[in-house]
Every structure is written in C-alpha cells, then in structure tokens.
Amino acid sequence: MPLLSPIFREINFQRIRQLDAGGYQPATIAKIINDESDAKEKVYAPDVRGYLKLQRMGSEVMLISKKGMNSLADDAPGDPSPI
C-alpha cells in the first residue's frame, strides 16, 4: 500500500461527502471524478452512492469482524488474511 493511501482516502471521502451534502447528485460527482482523475476505471452514480454508504456505515461500526474473516479464511479459495 502506498504511503499516501490513507491520506488520499480521507481527503477523497471528505470532498465527495462535501459535494453530496452540498446537493450534488451522485451522477454529477461521478462525472467530476472521471473528468479530474487519471483513474483507469470509470466511476458511475451507483459507485458514489455505495462508497458513501459503506464509508458512513464503517465509521460507526466494524463491518466485518475478525471472527468472520477467520471463518472465511478456512472456506475461501483466496487469501482473506484477517487484519
């Protein structure tokens, strides 16, 4: 993980949240992101809504427990290493 990732995540979230609170529609926010970033993937309105929802929920409670991650590690073909 790049050193600046936590800073970028926090600043990006605050800016997107500010636009959302200012009444901008998710489609408009997605267009701004697509126009101003060099991201390899396009962002759409449902992405913005989902991002805001998960960030809001994740700031209030732990979304996935360590116990849940451990149980998935036994069943999953990937590597969901518990954090």
PDB file of N, CA and C in Angstrom:
ATOM      1  N   MET A   1       0.856  -1.178   0.000  1.00  0.00           N
ATOM      2  CA  MET A   1       0.000   0.000   0.000  1.00  0.00           C
ATOM      3  C   MET A   1       0.897   1.236   0.000  1.00  0.00           C
ATOM      4  N   PRO A   2       0.694   2.125  -0.955  1.00  0.00           N
ATOM      5  CA  PRO A   2       1.494   3.339  -0.992  1.00  0.00           C
ATOM      6  C   PRO A   2       1.342   4.162   0.290  1.00  0.00           C
ATOM      7  N   LEU A   3       2.379   4.861   0.632  1.00  0.00           N
ATOM      8  CA  LEU A   3       2.425   5.642   1.863  1.00  0.00           C
ATOM      9  C   LEU A   3       1.294   6.660   1.961  1.00  0.00           C
ATOM     10  N   LEU A   4       0.911   7.262   0.862  1.00  0.00           N
ATOM     11  CA  LEU A   4      -0.118   8.309   0.893  1.00  0.00           C
ATOM     12  C   LEU A   4      -1.548   7.788   0.798  1.00  0.00           C
ATOM     13  N   SER A   5      -1.731   6.484   0.669  1.00  0.00           N
ATOM     14  CA  SER A   5      -3.084   5.929   0.503  1.00  0.00           C
ATOM     15  C   SER A   5      -4.060   6.368   1.590  1.00  0.00           C
ATOM     16  N   PRO A   6      -3.710   6.286   2.884  1.00  0.00           N
ATOM     17  CA  PRO A   6      -4.675   6.718   3.910  1.00  0.00           C
ATOM     18  C   PRO A   6      -5.048   8.195   3.781  1.00  0.00           C
ATOM     19  N   ILE A   7      -4.080   9.010   3.429  1.00  0.00           N
ATOM     20  CA  ILE A   7      -4.349  10.448   3.276  1.00  0.00           C
ATOM     21  C   ILE A   7      -5.272  10.679   2.076  1.00  0.00           C
ATOM     22  N   PHE A   8      -4.957  10.034   0.947  1.00  0.00           N
ATOM     23  CA  PHE A   8      -5.817  10.176  -0.228  1.00  0.00           C
ATOM     24  C   PHE A   8      -7.243   9.722   0.074  1.00  0.00           C
ATOM     25  N   ARG A   9      -7.379   8.564   0.753  1.00  0.00           N
ATOM     26  CA  ARG A   9      -8.717   8.048   1.073  1.00  0.00           C
ATOM     27  C   ARG A   9      -9.509   9.051   1.897  1.00  0.00           C
ATOM     28  N   GLU A  10      -8.884   9.605   2.915  1.00  0.00           N
ATOM     29  CA  GLU A  10      -9.591  10.540   3.798  1.00  0.00           C
ATOM     30  C   GLU A  10      -9.962  11.828   3.071  1.00  0.00           C
ATOM     31  N   ILE A  11      -9.032  12.384   2.333  1.00  0.00           N
ATOM     32  CA  ILE A  11      -9.321  13.631   1.598  1.00  0.00           C
ATOM     33  C   ILE A  11     -10.387  13.384   0.535  1.00  0.00           C
ATOM     34  N   ASN A  12     -10.264  12.291  -0.207  1.00  0.00           N
ATOM     35  CA  ASN A  12     -11.273  11.975  -1.218  1.00  0.00           C
ATOM     36  C   ASN A  12     -12.649  11.819  -0.598  1.00  0.00           C
ATOM     37  N   PHE A  13     -12.727  11.088   0.527  1.00  0.00           N
ATOM     38  CA  PHE A  13     -14.019  10.901   1.183  1.00  0.00           C
ATOM     39  C   PHE A  13     -14.600  12.237   1.628  1.00  0.00           C
ATOM     40  N   GLN A  14     -13.786  13.086   2.235  1.00  0.00           N
ATOM     41  CA  GLN A  14     -14.286  14.378   2.706  1.00  0.00           C
ATOM     42  C   GLN A  14     -14.796  15.237   1.546  1.00  0.00           C
ATOM     43  N   ARG A  15     -14.099  15.210   0.439  1.00  0.00           N
ATOM     44  CA  ARG A  15     -14.529  16.016  -0.715  1.00  0.00           C
ATOM     45  C   ARG A  15     -15.811  15.462  -1.330  1.00  0.00           C
ATOM     46  N   ILE A  16     -15.893  14.168  -1.472  1.00  0.00           N
ATOM     47  CA  ILE A  16     -17.110  13.559  -2.026  1.00  0.00           C
ATOM     48  C   ILE A  16     -18.279  13.790  -1.088  1.00  0.00           C
ATOM     49  N   ARG A  17     -18.044  13.639   0.212  1.00  0.00           N
ATOM     50  CA  ARG A  17     -19.113  13.879   1.194  1.00  0.00           C
ATOM     51  C   ARG A  17     -19.566  15.332   1.156  1.00  0.00           C
ATOM     52  N   GLN A  18     -18.619  16.258   0.997  1.00  0.00           N
ATOM     53  CA  GLN A  18     -18.953  17.680   0.925  1.00  0.00           C
ATOM     54  C   GLN A  18     -19.821  17.973  -0.300  1.00  0.00           C
ATOM     55  N   LEU A  19     -19.468  17.384  -1.442  1.00  0.00           N
ATOM     56  CA  LEU A  19     -20.285  17.572  -2.642  1.00  0.00           C
ATOM     57  C   LEU A  19     -21.679  16.994  -2.448  1.00  0.00           C
ATOM     58  N   ASP A  20     -21.756  15.805  -1.839  1.00  0.00           N
ATOM     59  CA  ASP A  20     -23.040  15.164  -1.576  1.00  0.00           C
ATOM     60  C   ASP A  20     -23.887  16.025  -0.640  1.00  0.00           C
ATOM     61  N   ALA A  21     -23.277  16.515   0.425  1.00  0.00           N
ATOM     62  CA  ALA A  21     -24.001  17.368   1.380  1.00  0.00           C
ATOM     63  C   ALA A  21     -24.414  18.688   0.745  1.00  0.00           C
ATOM     64  N   GLY A  22     -23.667  19.112  -0.275  1.00  0.00           N
ATOM     65  CA  GLY A  22     -23.989  20.356  -0.979  1.00  0.00           C
ATOM     66  C   GLY A  22     -25.093  20.196  -2.007  1.00  0.00           C
ATOM     67  N   GLY A  23     -25.635  18.995  -2.124  1.00  0.00           N
ATOM     68  CA  GLY A  23     -26.763  18.777  -3.013  1.00  0.00           C
ATOM     69  C   GLY A  23     -26.403  18.261  -4.398  1.00  0.00           C
ATOM     70  N   TYR A  24     -25.136  17.972  -4.635  1.00  0.00           N
ATOM     71  CA  TYR A  24     -24.753  17.425  -5.936  1.00  0.00           C
ATOM     72  C   TYR A  24     -25.231  15.984  -6.048  1.00  0.00           C
ATOM     73  N   GLN A  25     -25.753  15.641  -7.204  1.00  0.00           N
ATOM     74  CA  GLN A  25     -26.237  14.295  -7.465  1.00  0.00           C
ATOM     75  C   GLN A  25     -25.047  13.346  -7.651  1.00  0.00           C
ATOM     76  N   PRO A  26     -25.229  12.063  -7.289  1.00  0.00           N
ATOM     77  CA  PRO A  26     -24.144  11.093  -7.483  1.00  0.00           C
ATOM     78  C   PRO A  26     -23.614  11.043  -8.919  1.00  0.00           C
ATOM     79  N   ALA A  27     -24.485  11.228  -9.902  1.00  0.00           N
ATOM     80  CA  ALA A  27     -24.031  11.221 -11.306  1.00  0.00           C
ATOM     81  C   ALA A  27     -23.099  12.399 -11.582  1.00  0.00           C
ATOM     82  N   THR A  28     -23.382  13.541 -10.976  1.00  0.00           N
ATOM     83  CA  THR A  28     -22.530  14.715 -11.147  1.00  0.00           C
ATOM     84  C   THR A  28     -21.188  14.497 -10.464  1.00  0.00           C
ATOM     85  N   ILE A  29     -21.217  13.928  -9.270  1.00  0.00           N
ATOM     86  CA  ILE A  29     -19.981  13.642  -8.540  1.00  0.00           C
ATOM     87  C   ILE A  29     -19.133  12.648  -9.339  1.00  0.00           C
ATOM     88  N   ALA A  30     -19.775  11.630  -9.885  1.00  0.00           N
ATOM     89  CA  ALA A  30     -19.056  10.645 -10.698  1.00  0.00           C
ATOM     90  C   ALA A  30     -18.421  11.319 -11.919  1.00  0.00           C
ATOM     91  N   LYS A  31     -19.139  12.220 -12.552  1.00  0.00           N
ATOM     92  CA  LYS A  31     -18.598  12.927 -13.723  1.00  0.00           C
ATOM     93  C   LYS A  31     -17.384  13.759 -13.334  1.00  0.00           C
ATOM     94  N   ILE A  32     -17.453  14.428 -12.192  1.00  0.00           N
ATOM     95  CA  ILE A  32     -16.310  15.227 -11.717  1.00  0.00           C
ATOM     96  C   ILE A  32     -15.103  14.318 -11.491  1.00  0.00           C
ATOM     97  N   ILE A  33     -15.333  13.184 -10.842  1.00  0.00           N
ATOM     98  CA  ILE A  33     -14.243  12.240 -10.580  1.00  0.00           C
ATOM     99  C   ILE A  33     -13.633  11.762 -11.897  1.00  0.00           C
ATOM    100  N   ASN A  34     -14.481  11.375 -12.833  1.00  0.00           N
ATOM    101  CA  ASN A  34     -13.988  10.890 -14.134  1.00  0.00           C
ATOM    102  C   ASN A  34     -13.236  11.964 -14.907  1.00  0.00           C
ATOM    103  N   ASP A  35     -13.728  13.201 -14.840  1.00  0.00           N
ATOM    104  CA  ASP A  35     -13.089  14.301 -15.568  1.00  0.00           C
ATOM    105  C   ASP A  35     -11.757  14.717 -14.957  1.00  0.00           C
ATOM    106  N   GLU A  36     -11.638  14.613 -13.643  1.00  0.00           N
ATOM    107  CA  GLU A  36     -10.460  15.163 -12.968  1.00  0.00           C
ATOM    108  C   GLU A  36      -9.418  14.137 -12.558  1.00  0.00           C
ATOM    109  N   SER A  37      -9.729  12.872 -12.632  1.00  0.00           N
ATOM    110  CA  SER A  37      -8.757  11.875 -12.188  1.00  0.00           C
ATOM    111  C   SER A  37      -8.181  11.121 -13.383  1.00  0.00           C
ATOM    112  N   ASP A  38      -7.060  10.522 -13.149  1.00  0.00           N
ATOM    113  CA  ASP A  38      -6.428   9.688 -14.172  1.00  0.00           C
ATOM    114  C   ASP A  38      -6.701   8.214 -13.887  1.00  0.00           C
ATOM    115  N   ALA A  39      -7.806   7.940 -13.198  1.00  0.00           N
ATOM    116  CA  ALA A  39      -8.125   6.567 -12.811  1.00  0.00           C
ATOM    117  C   ALA A  39      -8.313   5.695 -14.047  1.00  0.00           C
ATOM    118  N   LYS A  40      -7.934   4.454 -13.910  1.00  0.00           N
ATOM    119  CA  LYS A  40      -8.056   3.502 -15.018  1.00  0.00           C
ATOM    120  C   LYS A  40      -9.482   3.005 -15.187  1.00  0.00           C
ATOM    121  N   GLU A  41     -10.294   3.184 -14.160  1.00  0.00           N
ATOM    122  CA  GLU A  41     -11.691   2.735 -14.210  1.00  0.00           C
ATOM    123  C   GLU A  41     -12.622   3.932 -14.178  1.00  0.00           C
ATOM    124  N   LYS A  42     -13.755   3.793 -14.843  1.00  0.00           N
ATOM    125  CA  LYS A  42     -14.784   4.822 -14.795  1.00  0.00           C
ATOM    126  C   LYS A  42     -15.581   4.673 -13.506  1.00  0.00           C
ATOM    127  N   VAL A  43     -16.116   5.774 -13.008  1.00  0.00           N
ATOM    128  CA  VAL A  43     -16.948   5.797 -11.818  1.00  0.00           C
ATOM    129  C   VAL A  43     -18.350   6.208 -12.245  1.00  0.00           C
ATOM    130  N   TYR A  44     -19.355   5.523 -11.687  1.00  0.00           N
ATOM    131  CA  TYR A  44     -20.750   5.800 -12.016  1.00  0.00           C
ATOM    132  C   TYR A  44     -21.516   6.152 -10.741  1.00  0.00           C
ATOM    133  N   ALA A  45     -22.719   6.704 -10.905  1.00  0.00           N
ATOM    134  CA  ALA A  45     -23.531   7.135  -9.768  1.00  0.00           C
ATOM    135  C   ALA A  45     -23.707   6.045  -8.708  1.00  0.00           C
ATOM    136  N   PRO A  46     -24.017   4.797  -9.074  1.00  0.00           N
ATOM    137  CA  PRO A  46     -24.154   3.767  -8.036  1.00  0.00           C
ATOM    138  C   PRO A  46     -22.858   3.530  -7.250  1.00  0.00           C
ATOM    139  N   ASP A  47     -21.708   3.735  -7.891  1.00  0.00           N
ATOM    140  CA  ASP A  47     -20.427   3.615  -7.199  1.00  0.00           C
ATOM    141  C   ASP A  47     -20.312   4.679  -6.108  1.00  0.00           C
ATOM    142  N   VAL A  48     -20.703   5.898  -6.442  1.00  0.00           N
ATOM    143  CA  VAL A  48     -20.636   7.006  -5.486  1.00  0.00           C
ATOM    144  C   VAL A  48     -21.569   6.737  -4.316  1.00  0.00           C
ATOM    145  N   ARG A  49     -22.792   6.310  -4.613  1.00  0.00           N
ATOM    146  CA  ARG A  49     -23.748   6.014  -3.535  1.00  0.00           C
ATOM    147  C   ARG A  49     -23.230   4.901  -2.631  1.00  0.00           C
ATOM    148  N   GLY A  50     -22.698   3.844  -3.229  1.00  0.00           N
ATOM    149  CA  GLY A  50     -22.175   2.724  -2.451  1.00  0.00           C
ATOM    150  C   GLY A  50     -20.977   3.122  -1.607  1.00  0.00           C
ATOM    151  N   TYR A  51     -20.108   3.922  -2.179  1.00  0.00           N
ATOM    152  CA  TYR A  51     -18.924   4.397  -1.456  1.00  0.00           C
ATOM    153  C   TYR A  51     -19.339   5.204  -0.224  1.00  0.00           C
ATOM    154  N   LEU A  52     -20.256   6.150  -0.420  1.00  0.00           N
ATOM    155  CA  LEU A  52     -20.712   6.971   0.697  1.00  0.00           C
ATOM    156  C   LEU A  52     -21.408   6.124   1.763  1.00  0.00           C
ATOM    157  N   LYS A  53     -22.202   5.162   1.332  1.00  0.00           N
ATOM    158  CA  LYS A  53     -22.909   4.301   2.270  1.00  0.00           C
ATOM    159  C   LYS A  53     -21.935   3.477   3.115  1.00  0.00           C
ATOM    160  N   LEU A  54     -20.978   2.827   2.459  1.00  0.00           N
ATOM    161  CA  LEU A  54     -20.019   1.993   3.195  1.00  0.00           C
ATOM    162  C   LEU A  54     -19.126   2.830   4.107  1.00  0.00           C
ATOM    163  N   GLN A  55     -18.718   3.996   3.649  1.00  0.00           N
ATOM    164  CA  GLN A  55     -17.901   4.867   4.495  1.00  0.00           C
ATOM    165  C   GLN A  55     -18.683   5.319   5.733  1.00  0.00           C
ATOM    166  N   ARG A  56     -19.945   5.658   5.523  1.00  0.00           N
ATOM    167  CA  ARG A  56     -20.795   6.098   6.633  1.00  0.00           C
ATOM    168  C   ARG A  56     -20.983   4.957   7.627  1.00  0.00           C
ATOM    169  N   MET A  57     -21.313   3.781   7.125  1.00  0.00           N
ATOM    170  CA  MET A  57     -21.508   2.615   7.999  1.00  0.00           C
ATOM    171  C   MET A  57     -20.207   2.235   8.708  1.00  0.00           C
ATOM    172  N   GLY A  58     -19.098   2.245   7.966  1.00  0.00           N
ATOM    173  CA  GLY A  58     -17.820   1.838   8.515  1.00  0.00           C
ATOM    174  C   GLY A  58     -17.262   2.802   9.544  1.00  0.00           C
ATOM    175  N   SER A  59     -17.739   4.027   9.540  1.00  0.00           N
ATOM    176  CA  SER A  59     -17.278   4.973  10.548  1.00  0.00           C
ATOM    177  C   SER A  59     -18.031   4.795  11.867  1.00  0.00           C
ATOM    178  N   GLU A  60     -19.099   4.009  11.842  1.00  0.00           N
ATOM    179  CA  GLU A  60     -19.904   3.797  13.046  1.00  0.00           C
ATOM    180  C   GLU A  60     -19.678   2.435  13.686  1.00  0.00           C
ATOM    181  N   VAL A  61     -19.462   1.415  12.879  1.00  0.00           N
ATOM    182  CA  VAL A  61     -19.278   0.057  13.392  1.00  0.00           C
ATOM    183  C   VAL A  61     -18.273  -0.694  12.526  1.00  0.00           C
ATOM    184  N   MET A  62     -17.706  -1.768  13.093  1.00  0.00           N
ATOM    185  CA  MET A  62     -16.835  -2.649  12.318  1.00  0.00           C
ATOM    186  C   MET A  62     -17.743  -3.457  11.395  1.00  0.00           C
ATOM    187  N   LEU A  63     -17.521  -3.400  10.104  1.00  0.00           N
ATOM    188  CA  LEU A  63     -18.407  -4.047   9.148  1.00  0.00           C
ATOM    189  C   LEU A  63     -18.169  -5.550   9.053  1.00  0.00           C
ATOM    190  N   ILE A  64     -16.933  -5.985   9.174  1.00  0.00           N
ATOM    191  CA  ILE A  64     -16.610  -7.413   9.119  1.00  0.00           C
ATOM    192  C   ILE A  64     -15.699  -7.714  10.297  1.00  0.00           C
ATOM    193  N   SER A  65     -16.114  -8.651  11.130  1.00  0.00           N
ATOM    194  CA  SER A  65     -15.334  -8.975  12.323  1.00  0.00           C
ATOM    195  C   SER A  65     -14.124  -9.845  11.990  1.00  0.00           C
ATOM    196  N   LYS A  66     -13.184  -9.882  12.903  1.00  0.00           N
ATOM    197  CA  LYS A  66     -12.019 -10.747  12.725  1.00  0.00           C
ATOM    198  C   LYS A  66     -12.462 -12.207  12.731  1.00  0.00           C
ATOM    199  N   LYS A  67     -13.465 -12.525  13.565  1.00  0.00           N
ATOM    200  CA  LYS A  67     -14.011 -13.882  13.607  1.00  0.00           C
ATOM    201  C   LYS A  67     -14.583 -14.263  12.241  1.00  0.00           C
ATOM    202  N   GLY A  68     -15.312 -13.339  11.631  1.00  0.00           N
ATOM    203  CA  GLY A  68     -15.867 -13.584  10.301  1.00  0.00           C
ATOM    204  C   GLY A  68     -14.772 -13.800   9.265  1.00  0.00           C
ATOM    205  N   MET A  69     -13.723 -13.005   9.339  1.00  0.00           N
ATOM    206  CA  MET A  69     -12.597 -13.169   8.407  1.00  0.00           C
ATOM    207  C   MET A  69     -11.925 -14.517   8.611  1.00  0.00           C
ATOM    208  N   ASN A  70     -11.759 -14.913   9.878  1.00  0.00           N
ATOM    209  CA  ASN A  70     -11.128 -16.206  10.165  1.00  0.00           C
ATOM    210  C   ASN A  70     -11.951 -17.356   9.601  1.00  0.00           C
ATOM    211  N   SER A  71     -13.280 -17.276   9.742  1.00  0.00           N
ATOM    212  CA  SER A  71     -14.117 -18.355   9.230  1.00  0.00           C
ATOM    213  C   SER A  71     -14.075 -18.397   7.705  1.00  0.00           C
ATOM    214  N   LEU A  72     -13.978 -17.243   7.071  1.00  0.00           N
ATOM    215  CA  LEU A  72     -13.878 -17.198   5.613  1.00  0.00           C
ATOM    216  C   LEU A  72     -12.532 -17.724   5.131  1.00  0.00           C
ATOM    217  N   ALA A  73     -11.499 -17.497   5.913  1.00  0.00           N
ATOM    218  CA  ALA A  73     -10.163 -17.949   5.518  1.00  0.00           C
ATOM    219  C   ALA A  73     -10.122 -19.469   5.386  1.00  0.00           C
ATOM    220  N   ASP A  74     -10.941 -20.169   6.173  1.00  0.00           N
ATOM    221  CA  ASP A  74     -10.986 -21.625   6.106  1.00  0.00           C
ATOM    222  C   ASP A  74     -11.716 -22.124   4.868  1.00  0.00           C
ATOM    223  N   ASP A  75     -12.668 -21.320   4.343  1.00  0.00           N
ATOM    224  CA  ASP A  75     -13.531 -21.756   3.253  1.00  0.00           C
ATOM    225  C   ASP A  75     -13.174 -21.179   1.885  1.00  0.00           C
ATOM    226  N   ALA A  76     -12.567 -20.017   1.872  1.00  0.00           N
ATOM    227  CA  ALA A  76     -12.377 -19.295   0.615  1.00  0.00           C
ATOM    228  C   ALA A  76     -11.147 -19.771  -0.153  1.00  0.00           C
ATOM    229  N   PRO A  77     -11.237 -19.739  -1.498  1.00  0.00           N
ATOM    230  CA  PRO A  77     -10.081 -20.121  -2.304  1.00  0.00           C
ATOM    231  C   PRO A  77      -8.991 -19.052  -2.304  1.00  0.00           C
ATOM    232  N   GLY A  78      -9.362 -17.782  -2.005  1.00  0.00           N
ATOM    233  CA  GLY A  78      -8.398 -16.685  -1.982  1.00  0.00           C
ATOM    234  C   GLY A  78      -7.686 -16.610  -0.648  1.00  0.00           C
ATOM    235  N   ASP A  79      -7.145 -15.444  -0.365  1.00  0.00           N
ATOM    236  CA  ASP A  79      -6.423 -15.241   0.894  1.00  0.00           C
ATOM    237  C   ASP A  79      -7.003 -14.061   1.653  1.00  0.00           C
ATOM    238  N   PRO A  80      -8.168 -14.227   2.302  1.00  0.00           N
ATOM    239  CA  PRO A  80      -8.706 -13.134   3.111  1.00  0.00           C
ATOM    240  C   PRO A  80      -8.033 -13.103   4.478  1.00  0.00           C
ATOM    241  N   SER A  81      -6.744 -12.767   4.499  1.00  0.00           N
ATOM    242  CA  SER A  81      -5.987 -12.732   5.752  1.00  0.00           C
ATOM    243  C   SER A  81      -6.632 -11.737   6.712  1.00  0.00           C
ATOM    244  N   PRO A  82      -6.933 -12.170   7.947  1.00  0.00           N
ATOM    245  CA  PRO A  82      -7.539 -11.263   8.919  1.00  0.00           C
ATOM    246  C   PRO A  82      -6.609 -10.112   9.258  1.00  0.00           C
ATOM    247  N   ILE A  83      -7.209  -8.957   9.398  1.00  0.00           N
ATOM    248  CA  ILE A  83      -6.436  -7.769   9.770  1.00  0.00           C
ATOM    249  C   ILE A  83      -6.767  -7.431  11.191  1.00  0.00           C
TER     250      ILE A  83
END
